Amino acid sequence: MTRPTLDGLAVGDVVGTRTVTFGRQDLVRYAGASGDLNPIHWNERFATDVGLPGVIAHGMLTMGAAVNLVCDWAGDPGAVVDYGVRFTRPVPVPDSGAATLEVTGTVGAVDAEAGTVRVDLTVTSGGEKVLGRSQVLVRL
């Protein structure tokens, strides 16, 4: 894939789309790697007892999976200089099967003087927006 250049980008351009899935085994792996062993990410009874719809994906796992679209598009994860989101809804992960994230990246701003582009991510699961104000600043 050719690395993008600022002169070839305009506000509104879609930089890519991606579907990401998480099964319960992915949550266990992420919990071990991150050290986030909160039972809402692996124990159905505990999750429902605290008012959740069931076991939910880690917010940082969801956030990381979404930004990978931009890292791949930019051709270098080091090109990402800032990334922020608001967690708007949990991502329930069923006992069998998987949760599905739909990710779309759109150019939100181009700053030729700074050599950066802001990519706005739309991230949904089950038709519901799960990350709000998801913006990635990339230096090209």
C-alpha atoms as a PDB file:
ATOM      1  CA  MET A   1       0.000   0.000   0.000  1.00  0.00           C
ATOM      2  CA  THR A   2       1.271   3.467  -0.892  1.00  0.00           C
ATOM      3  CA  ARG A   3       1.629   5.862   2.029  1.00  0.00           C
ATOM      4  CA  PRO A   4      -0.823   8.748   1.847  1.00  0.00           C
ATOM      5  CA  THR A   5       0.327  12.301   1.226  1.00  0.00           C
ATOM      6  CA  LEU A   6      -1.282  15.504   2.444  1.00  0.00           C
ATOM      7  CA  ASP A   7      -1.758  16.919  -1.053  1.00  0.00           C
ATOM      8  CA  GLY A   8      -3.922  13.932  -1.963  1.00  0.00           C
ATOM      9  CA  LEU A   9      -6.340  14.349   0.954  1.00  0.00           C
ATOM     10  CA  ALA A  10      -9.502  16.379   1.445  1.00  0.00           C
ATOM     11  CA  VAL A  11     -11.943  16.726   4.314  1.00  0.00           C
ATOM     12  CA  GLY A  12     -14.604  14.038   3.936  1.00  0.00           C
ATOM     13  CA  ASP A  13     -12.360  11.465   2.231  1.00  0.00           C
ATOM     14  CA  VAL A  14     -12.877   7.963   3.603  1.00  0.00           C
ATOM     15  CA  VAL A  15      -9.474   6.477   4.434  1.00  0.00           C
ATOM     16  CA  GLY A  16     -10.859   3.002   5.068  1.00  0.00           C
ATOM     17  CA  THR A  17     -13.374   0.701   6.654  1.00  0.00           C
ATOM     18  CA  ARG A  18     -12.870  -2.421   8.698  1.00  0.00           C
ATOM     19  CA  THR A  19     -14.836  -5.058  10.572  1.00  0.00           C
ATOM     20  CA  VAL A  20     -13.263  -6.329  13.804  1.00  0.00           C
ATOM     21  CA  THR A  21     -14.564  -9.207  15.921  1.00  0.00           C
ATOM     22  CA  PHE A  22     -13.922 -10.122  19.560  1.00  0.00           C
ATOM     23  CA  GLY A  23     -14.710 -13.471  21.116  1.00  0.00           C
ATOM     24  CA  ARG A  24     -14.449 -14.295  24.795  1.00  0.00           C
ATOM     25  CA  GLN A  25     -11.038 -15.874  24.176  1.00  0.00           C
ATOM     26  CA  ASP A  26      -9.796 -12.485  22.902  1.00  0.00           C
ATOM     27  CA  LEU A  27     -10.917 -10.867  26.156  1.00  0.00           C
ATOM     28  CA  VAL A  28      -9.005 -13.445  28.205  1.00  0.00           C
ATOM     29  CA  ARG A  29      -5.864 -12.871  26.130  1.00  0.00           C
ATOM     30  CA  TYR A  30      -6.185  -9.097  26.442  1.00  0.00           C
ATOM     31  CA  ALA A  31      -6.800  -9.329  30.197  1.00  0.00           C
ATOM     32  CA  GLY A  32      -3.594 -11.313  30.615  1.00  0.00           C
ATOM     33  CA  ALA A  33      -1.554  -8.975  28.431  1.00  0.00           C
ATOM     34  CA  SER A  34      -2.909  -5.761  29.944  1.00  0.00           C
ATOM     35  CA  GLY A  35      -3.291  -6.852  33.543  1.00  0.00           C
ATOM     36  CA  ASP A  36      -6.948  -5.693  33.499  1.00  0.00           C
ATOM     37  CA  LEU A  37      -8.552  -8.662  35.232  1.00  0.00           C
ATOM     38  CA  ASN A  38     -11.831  -6.915  36.089  1.00  0.00           C
ATOM     39  CA  PRO A  39     -14.516  -9.653  36.181  1.00  0.00           C
ATOM     40  CA  ILE A  40     -16.861  -7.602  33.950  1.00  0.00           C
ATOM     41  CA  HIS A  41     -14.626  -8.797  31.114  1.00  0.00           C
ATOM     42  CA  TRP A  42     -14.926 -12.532  31.818  1.00  0.00           C
ATOM     43  CA  ASN A  43     -17.612 -13.347  34.420  1.00  0.00           C
ATOM     44  CA  GLU A  44     -21.197 -13.239  33.107  1.00  0.00           C
ATOM     45  CA  ARG A  45     -22.835 -13.355  36.552  1.00  0.00           C
ATOM     46  CA  PHE A  46     -20.673 -10.559  37.920  1.00  0.00           C
ATOM     47  CA  ALA A  47     -21.220  -8.384  34.845  1.00  0.00           C
ATOM     48  CA  THR A  48     -25.009  -8.707  34.992  1.00  0.00           C
ATOM     49  CA  ASP A  49     -25.023  -8.231  38.790  1.00  0.00           C
ATOM     50  CA  VAL A  50     -23.410  -4.800  38.312  1.00  0.00           C
ATOM     51  CA  GLY A  51     -25.987  -3.827  35.688  1.00  0.00           C
ATOM     52  CA  LEU A  52     -24.193  -4.623  32.444  1.00  0.00           C
ATOM     53  CA  PRO A  53     -25.844  -6.563  29.605  1.00  0.00           C
ATOM     54  CA  GLY A  54     -23.240  -9.304  30.091  1.00  0.00           C
ATOM     55  CA  VAL A  55     -19.498  -9.629  29.668  1.00  0.00           C
ATOM     56  CA  ILE A  56     -18.106  -6.579  27.858  1.00  0.00           C
ATOM     57  CA  ALA A  57     -14.932  -5.913  25.881  1.00  0.00           C
ATOM     58  CA  HIS A  58     -12.204  -3.836  27.486  1.00  0.00           C
ATOM     59  CA  GLY A  59     -12.467  -0.201  26.451  1.00  0.00           C
ATOM     60  CA  MET A  60      -8.778  -0.025  25.611  1.00  0.00           C
ATOM     61  CA  LEU A  61      -9.067  -3.170  23.473  1.00  0.00           C
ATOM     62  CA  THR A  62     -11.911  -1.558  21.544  1.00  0.00           C
ATOM     63  CA  MET A  63      -9.964   1.689  21.215  1.00  0.00           C
ATOM     64  CA  GLY A  64      -6.822  -0.107  20.032  1.00  0.00           C
ATOM     65  CA  ALA A  65      -8.661  -2.245  17.507  1.00  0.00           C
ATOM     66  CA  ALA A  66     -10.295   0.849  16.020  1.00  0.00           C
ATOM     67  CA  VAL A  67      -7.076   2.877  15.611  1.00  0.00           C
ATOM     68  CA  ASN A  68      -5.387   0.007  13.758  1.00  0.00           C
ATOM     69  CA  LEU A  69      -7.343   1.084  10.682  1.00  0.00           C
ATOM     70  CA  VAL A  70      -5.501   4.427  10.724  1.00  0.00           C
ATOM     71  CA  CYS A  71      -2.107   2.860  11.535  1.00  0.00           C
ATOM     72  CA  ASP A  72      -2.444   0.574   8.518  1.00  0.00           C
ATOM     73  CA  TRP A  73      -3.633   3.421   6.285  1.00  0.00           C
ATOM     74  CA  ALA A  74      -0.725   5.668   7.343  1.00  0.00           C
ATOM     75  CA  GLY A  75       1.744   2.827   6.817  1.00  0.00           C
ATOM     76  CA  ASP A  76       3.427   3.484  10.160  1.00  0.00           C
ATOM     77  CA  PRO A  77       1.940   3.312  13.657  1.00  0.00           C
ATOM     78  CA  GLY A  78       4.544   5.893  14.711  1.00  0.00           C
ATOM     79  CA  ALA A  79       2.792   8.424  12.469  1.00  0.00           C
ATOM     80  CA  VAL A  80      -0.040   8.626  15.023  1.00  0.00           C
ATOM     81  CA  VAL A  81       0.813  11.590  17.253  1.00  0.00           C
ATOM     82  CA  ASP A  82      -2.441  11.869  19.208  1.00  0.00           C
ATOM     83  CA  TYR A  83      -5.546   9.752  19.709  1.00  0.00           C
ATOM     84  CA  GLY A  84      -8.544  10.265  21.920  1.00  0.00           C
ATOM     85  CA  VAL A  85     -12.043   8.851  22.303  1.00  0.00           C
ATOM     86  CA  ARG A  86     -15.062   8.936  24.556  1.00  0.00           C
ATOM     87  CA  PHE A  87     -16.469   5.580  25.550  1.00  0.00           C
ATOM     88  CA  THR A  88     -20.191   5.925  24.798  1.00  0.00           C
ATOM     89  CA  ARG A  89     -21.505   2.354  25.081  1.00  0.00           C
ATOM     90  CA  PRO A  90     -20.120  -0.980  26.235  1.00  0.00           C
ATOM     91  CA  VAL A  91     -19.404  -3.709  23.691  1.00  0.00           C
ATOM     92  CA  PRO A  92     -21.141  -6.902  24.903  1.00  0.00           C
ATOM     93  CA  VAL A  93     -19.329 -10.091  23.923  1.00  0.00           C
ATOM     94  CA  PRO A  94     -21.621 -13.146  23.778  1.00  0.00           C
ATOM     95  CA  ASP A  95     -20.659 -16.445  25.376  1.00  0.00           C
ATOM     96  CA  SER A  96     -20.617 -18.115  21.977  1.00  0.00           C
ATOM     97  CA  GLY A  97     -19.861 -16.211  18.824  1.00  0.00           C
ATOM     98  CA  ALA A  98     -18.333 -12.754  18.855  1.00  0.00           C
ATOM     99  CA  ALA A  99     -18.986  -9.043  19.113  1.00  0.00           C
ATOM    100  CA  THR A 100     -18.505  -7.139  15.881  1.00  0.00           C
ATOM    101  CA  LEU A 101     -17.125  -3.624  15.511  1.00  0.00           C
ATOM    102  CA  GLU A 102     -17.610  -1.629  12.324  1.00  0.00           C
ATOM    103  CA  VAL A 103     -14.914   1.020  11.906  1.00  0.00           C
ATOM    104  CA  THR A 104     -14.842   3.822   9.319  1.00  0.00           C
ATOM    105  CA  GLY A 105     -12.116   6.469   9.100  1.00  0.00           C
ATOM    106  CA  THR A 106     -12.846   9.825   7.487  1.00  0.00           C
ATOM    107  CA  VAL A 107     -10.568  12.834   7.025  1.00  0.00           C
ATOM    108  CA  GLY A 108     -11.808  15.508   9.426  1.00  0.00           C
ATOM    109  CA  ALA A 109      -9.090  18.134   8.912  1.00  0.00           C
ATOM    110  CA  VAL A 110      -5.875  18.669   6.976  1.00  0.00           C
ATOM    111  CA  ASP A 111      -3.157  20.995   8.269  1.00  0.00           C
ATOM    112  CA  ALA A 112      -0.576  21.387   5.498  1.00  0.00           C
ATOM    113  CA  GLU A 113       1.594  23.731   7.574  1.00  0.00           C
ATOM    114  CA  ALA A 114       1.889  21.216  10.435  1.00  0.00           C
ATOM    115  CA  GLY A 115       2.012  18.227   8.064  1.00  0.00           C
ATOM    116  CA  THR A 116      -0.891  16.532   9.846  1.00  0.00           C
ATOM    117  CA  VAL A 117      -4.284  15.106   9.100  1.00  0.00           C
ATOM    118  CA  ARG A 118      -7.050  14.414  11.603  1.00  0.00           C
ATOM    119  CA  VAL A 119      -8.909  11.199  10.946  1.00  0.00           C
ATOM    120  CA  ASP A 120     -12.319  10.870  12.592  1.00  0.00           C
ATOM    121  CA  LEU A 121     -13.339   7.308  13.400  1.00  0.00           C
ATOM    122  CA  THR A 122     -16.907   6.084  13.486  1.00  0.00           C
ATOM    123  CA  VAL A 123     -17.022   2.912  15.574  1.00  0.00           C
ATOM    124  CA  THR A 124     -20.250   0.964  16.014  1.00  0.00           C
ATOM    125  CA  SER A 125     -21.319  -2.398  17.393  1.00  0.00           C
ATOM    126  CA  GLY A 126     -24.787  -3.776  16.835  1.00  0.00           C
ATOM    127  CA  GLY A 127     -25.739  -0.547  15.092  1.00  0.00           C
ATOM    128  CA  GLU A 128     -24.860   1.526  18.196  1.00  0.00           C
ATOM    129  CA  LYS A 129     -22.003   4.016  18.369  1.00  0.00           C
ATOM    130  CA  VAL A 130     -19.534   2.697  20.988  1.00  0.00           C
ATOM    131  CA  LEU A 131     -16.780   5.306  20.688  1.00  0.00           C
ATOM    132  CA  GLY A 132     -17.583   8.991  20.469  1.00  0.00           C
ATOM    133  CA  ARG A 133     -15.354  11.864  19.426  1.00  0.00           C
ATOM    134  CA  SER A 134     -12.822   9.335  18.205  1.00  0.00           C
ATOM    135  CA  GLN A 135     -10.079  11.408  16.572  1.00  0.00           C
ATOM    136  CA  VAL A 136      -6.621  10.425  15.431  1.00  0.00           C
ATOM    137  CA  LEU A 137      -3.953  12.983  14.572  1.00  0.00           C
ATOM    138  CA  VAL A 138      -1.462  11.640  12.022  1.00  0.00           C
ATOM    139  CA  ARG A 139       1.774  13.245  10.839  1.00  0.00           C
ATOM    140  CA  LEU A 140       2.416  12.392   7.193  1.00  0.00           C
END
